[in-house]
């Protein structure tokens, strides 16, 4: 997943794109892991820490959207790329027959 709202962030000289792959259990809706590829200045370690904390605390993917994560308006949107990946995962997983619609 590459965040769709990249438009408008490329004007910032240090802006960097990220590619994320979120893995979860479609039935239990549990978060199992994430892979993130991007520039070393894209704060990848912060994002991995957020996911590691979420997994440790048994959060389900839907709960990532409830996190109040810091952001800097010129660098990011109010929705963190992790939350955007979770939203996309939820939209895609609802098409799977084993997933209950909430």
C-alpha atoms as a PDB file:
ATOM      1  CA  UNK A   1       0.000   0.000   0.000  1.00  0.00           C
ATOM      2  CA  UNK A   2       1.266   3.423  -0.884  1.00  0.00           C
ATOM      3  CA  UNK A   3      -0.730   6.220   0.724  1.00  0.00           C
ATOM      4  CA  UNK A   4      -3.043   7.720  -1.878  1.00  0.00           C
ATOM      5  CA  UNK A   5      -2.814  11.230  -0.514  1.00  0.00           C
ATOM      6  CA  UNK A   6       0.831  11.831  -1.436  1.00  0.00           C
ATOM      7  CA  UNK A   7      -0.308  14.813  -3.502  1.00  0.00           C
ATOM      8  CA  UNK A   8       0.654  18.007  -1.774  1.00  0.00           C
ATOM      9  CA  UNK A   9       3.472  16.523   0.308  1.00  0.00           C
ATOM     10  CA  UNK A  10       6.076  16.386  -2.441  1.00  0.00           C
ATOM     11  CA  UNK A  11       6.591  20.138  -2.129  1.00  0.00           C
ATOM     12  CA  UNK A  12       8.401  19.563   1.151  1.00  0.00           C
ATOM     13  CA  UNK A  13      12.106  18.991   0.379  1.00  0.00           C
ATOM     14  CA  UNK A  14      12.526  16.142   2.881  1.00  0.00           C
ATOM     15  CA  UNK A  15       9.257  14.327   2.071  1.00  0.00           C
ATOM     16  CA  UNK A  16       9.744  10.603   1.456  1.00  0.00           C
ATOM     17  CA  UNK A  17       7.374   7.935   0.140  1.00  0.00           C
ATOM     18  CA  UNK A  18       6.671   4.761   2.095  1.00  0.00           C
ATOM     19  CA  UNK A  19       5.444   1.375   0.984  1.00  0.00           C
ATOM     20  CA  UNK A  20       3.615  -0.639   3.646  1.00  0.00           C
ATOM     21  CA  UNK A  21       2.340  -4.199   3.757  1.00  0.00           C
ATOM     22  CA  UNK A  22       0.075  -4.938   6.695  1.00  0.00           C
ATOM     23  CA  UNK A  23      -0.740  -8.512   7.680  1.00  0.00           C
ATOM     24  CA  UNK A  24      -3.704  -9.500   9.785  1.00  0.00           C
ATOM     25  CA  UNK A  25      -6.060 -12.340  10.543  1.00  0.00           C
ATOM     26  CA  UNK A  26      -9.259 -11.714   8.582  1.00  0.00           C
ATOM     27  CA  UNK A  27     -11.418 -13.737  10.948  1.00  0.00           C
ATOM     28  CA  UNK A  28     -10.038 -12.554  14.300  1.00  0.00           C
ATOM     29  CA  UNK A  29      -9.188  -9.118  12.843  1.00  0.00           C
ATOM     30  CA  UNK A  30      -5.923  -9.268  14.772  1.00  0.00           C
ATOM     31  CA  UNK A  31      -2.823  -7.454  13.652  1.00  0.00           C
ATOM     32  CA  UNK A  32      -0.016  -9.893  12.838  1.00  0.00           C
ATOM     33  CA  UNK A  33       2.714  -7.702  11.384  1.00  0.00           C
ATOM     34  CA  UNK A  34       3.844  -5.055   8.968  1.00  0.00           C
ATOM     35  CA  UNK A  35       6.578  -4.554   6.414  1.00  0.00           C
ATOM     36  CA  UNK A  36       7.693  -1.017   5.641  1.00  0.00           C
ATOM     37  CA  UNK A  37      10.045   0.058   2.878  1.00  0.00           C
ATOM     38  CA  UNK A  38      11.186   3.630   2.531  1.00  0.00           C
ATOM     39  CA  UNK A  39      13.933   6.160   2.883  1.00  0.00           C
ATOM     40  CA  UNK A  40      15.925   6.050   6.125  1.00  0.00           C
ATOM     41  CA  UNK A  41      14.642   9.554   6.971  1.00  0.00           C
ATOM     42  CA  UNK A  42      10.988   8.467   6.776  1.00  0.00           C
ATOM     43  CA  UNK A  43      10.809   7.566  10.480  1.00  0.00           C
ATOM     44  CA  UNK A  44      10.284   3.886   9.732  1.00  0.00           C
ATOM     45  CA  UNK A  45      11.487   2.853  13.193  1.00  0.00           C
ATOM     46  CA  UNK A  46       8.791   5.002  14.848  1.00  0.00           C
ATOM     47  CA  UNK A  47       6.130   3.324  12.731  1.00  0.00           C
ATOM     48  CA  UNK A  48       7.470  -0.153  13.504  1.00  0.00           C
ATOM     49  CA  UNK A  49       7.435   0.733  17.225  1.00  0.00           C
ATOM     50  CA  UNK A  50       3.759   1.695  16.975  1.00  0.00           C
ATOM     51  CA  UNK A  51       2.902  -1.644  15.349  1.00  0.00           C
ATOM     52  CA  UNK A  52       5.038  -3.625  17.811  1.00  0.00           C
ATOM     53  CA  UNK A  53       3.228  -1.915  20.692  1.00  0.00           C
ATOM     54  CA  UNK A  54      -0.151  -2.605  19.075  1.00  0.00           C
ATOM     55  CA  UNK A  55       0.685  -6.304  18.611  1.00  0.00           C
ATOM     56  CA  UNK A  56       2.038  -6.607  22.156  1.00  0.00           C
ATOM     57  CA  UNK A  57      -1.180  -5.111  23.527  1.00  0.00           C
ATOM     58  CA  UNK A  58      -3.399  -7.362  21.415  1.00  0.00           C
ATOM     59  CA  UNK A  59      -4.954  -4.547  19.398  1.00  0.00           C
ATOM     60  CA  UNK A  60      -7.073  -5.445  16.408  1.00  0.00           C
ATOM     61  CA  UNK A  61      -6.523  -3.667  13.121  1.00  0.00           C
ATOM     62  CA  UNK A  62      -9.669  -1.586  13.530  1.00  0.00           C
ATOM     63  CA  UNK A  63      -8.235  -0.032  16.698  1.00  0.00           C
ATOM     64  CA  UNK A  64      -5.273   1.521  14.869  1.00  0.00           C
ATOM     65  CA  UNK A  65      -7.633   4.203  13.592  1.00  0.00           C
ATOM     66  CA  UNK A  66      -8.379   5.241  17.178  1.00  0.00           C
ATOM     67  CA  UNK A  67      -4.765   6.016  18.027  1.00  0.00           C
ATOM     68  CA  UNK A  68      -3.899   9.666  18.467  1.00  0.00           C
ATOM     69  CA  UNK A  69      -0.486   9.792  16.804  1.00  0.00           C
ATOM     70  CA  UNK A  70       1.602  12.933  16.454  1.00  0.00           C
ATOM     71  CA  UNK A  71       2.156  14.534  13.078  1.00  0.00           C
ATOM     72  CA  UNK A  72       3.639  17.641  11.536  1.00  0.00           C
ATOM     73  CA  UNK A  73       1.269  19.180   8.958  1.00  0.00           C
ATOM     74  CA  UNK A  74       3.946  19.981   6.340  1.00  0.00           C
ATOM     75  CA  UNK A  75       5.287  16.411   6.533  1.00  0.00           C
ATOM     76  CA  UNK A  76       2.207  14.282   6.925  1.00  0.00           C
ATOM     77  CA  UNK A  77      -1.551  14.258   6.926  1.00  0.00           C
ATOM     78  CA  UNK A  78      -3.549  13.881  10.159  1.00  0.00           C
ATOM     79  CA  UNK A  79      -3.946  10.215   9.231  1.00  0.00           C
ATOM     80  CA  UNK A  80      -0.663   8.418   9.830  1.00  0.00           C
ATOM     81  CA  UNK A  81       0.407   6.057   7.006  1.00  0.00           C
ATOM     82  CA  UNK A  82      -0.125   3.159   9.451  1.00  0.00           C
ATOM     83  CA  UNK A  83      -3.712   4.229   9.964  1.00  0.00           C
ATOM     84  CA  UNK A  84      -4.220   4.630   6.222  1.00  0.00           C
ATOM     85  CA  UNK A  85      -2.842   1.109   5.695  1.00  0.00           C
ATOM     86  CA  UNK A  86      -5.220  -0.202   8.379  1.00  0.00           C
ATOM     87  CA  UNK A  87      -8.156   1.537   6.703  1.00  0.00           C
ATOM     88  CA  UNK A  88      -7.220   0.028   3.347  1.00  0.00           C
ATOM     89  CA  UNK A  89      -6.762  -3.414   4.942  1.00  0.00           C
ATOM     90  CA  UNK A  90     -10.222  -3.144   6.516  1.00  0.00           C
ATOM     91  CA  UNK A  91     -11.822  -2.156   3.205  1.00  0.00           C
ATOM     92  CA  UNK A  92     -10.130  -5.020   1.369  1.00  0.00           C
ATOM     93  CA  UNK A  93     -10.800  -7.592   4.086  1.00  0.00           C
ATOM     94  CA  UNK A  94     -14.547  -6.903   4.141  1.00  0.00           C
ATOM     95  CA  UNK A  95     -14.794  -8.451   0.685  1.00  0.00           C
ATOM     96  CA  UNK A  96     -13.568 -11.774   2.102  1.00  0.00           C
ATOM     97  CA  UNK A  97     -16.519 -14.118   2.849  1.00  0.00           C
ATOM     98  CA  UNK A  98     -15.149 -15.113   6.268  1.00  0.00           C
ATOM     99  CA  UNK A  99     -15.173 -11.548   7.579  1.00  0.00           C
ATOM    100  CA  UNK A 100     -18.161 -10.185   9.427  1.00  0.00           C
ATOM    101  CA  UNK A 101     -19.183  -6.719   8.428  1.00  0.00           C
ATOM    102  CA  UNK A 102     -19.247  -4.306  11.327  1.00  0.00           C
END
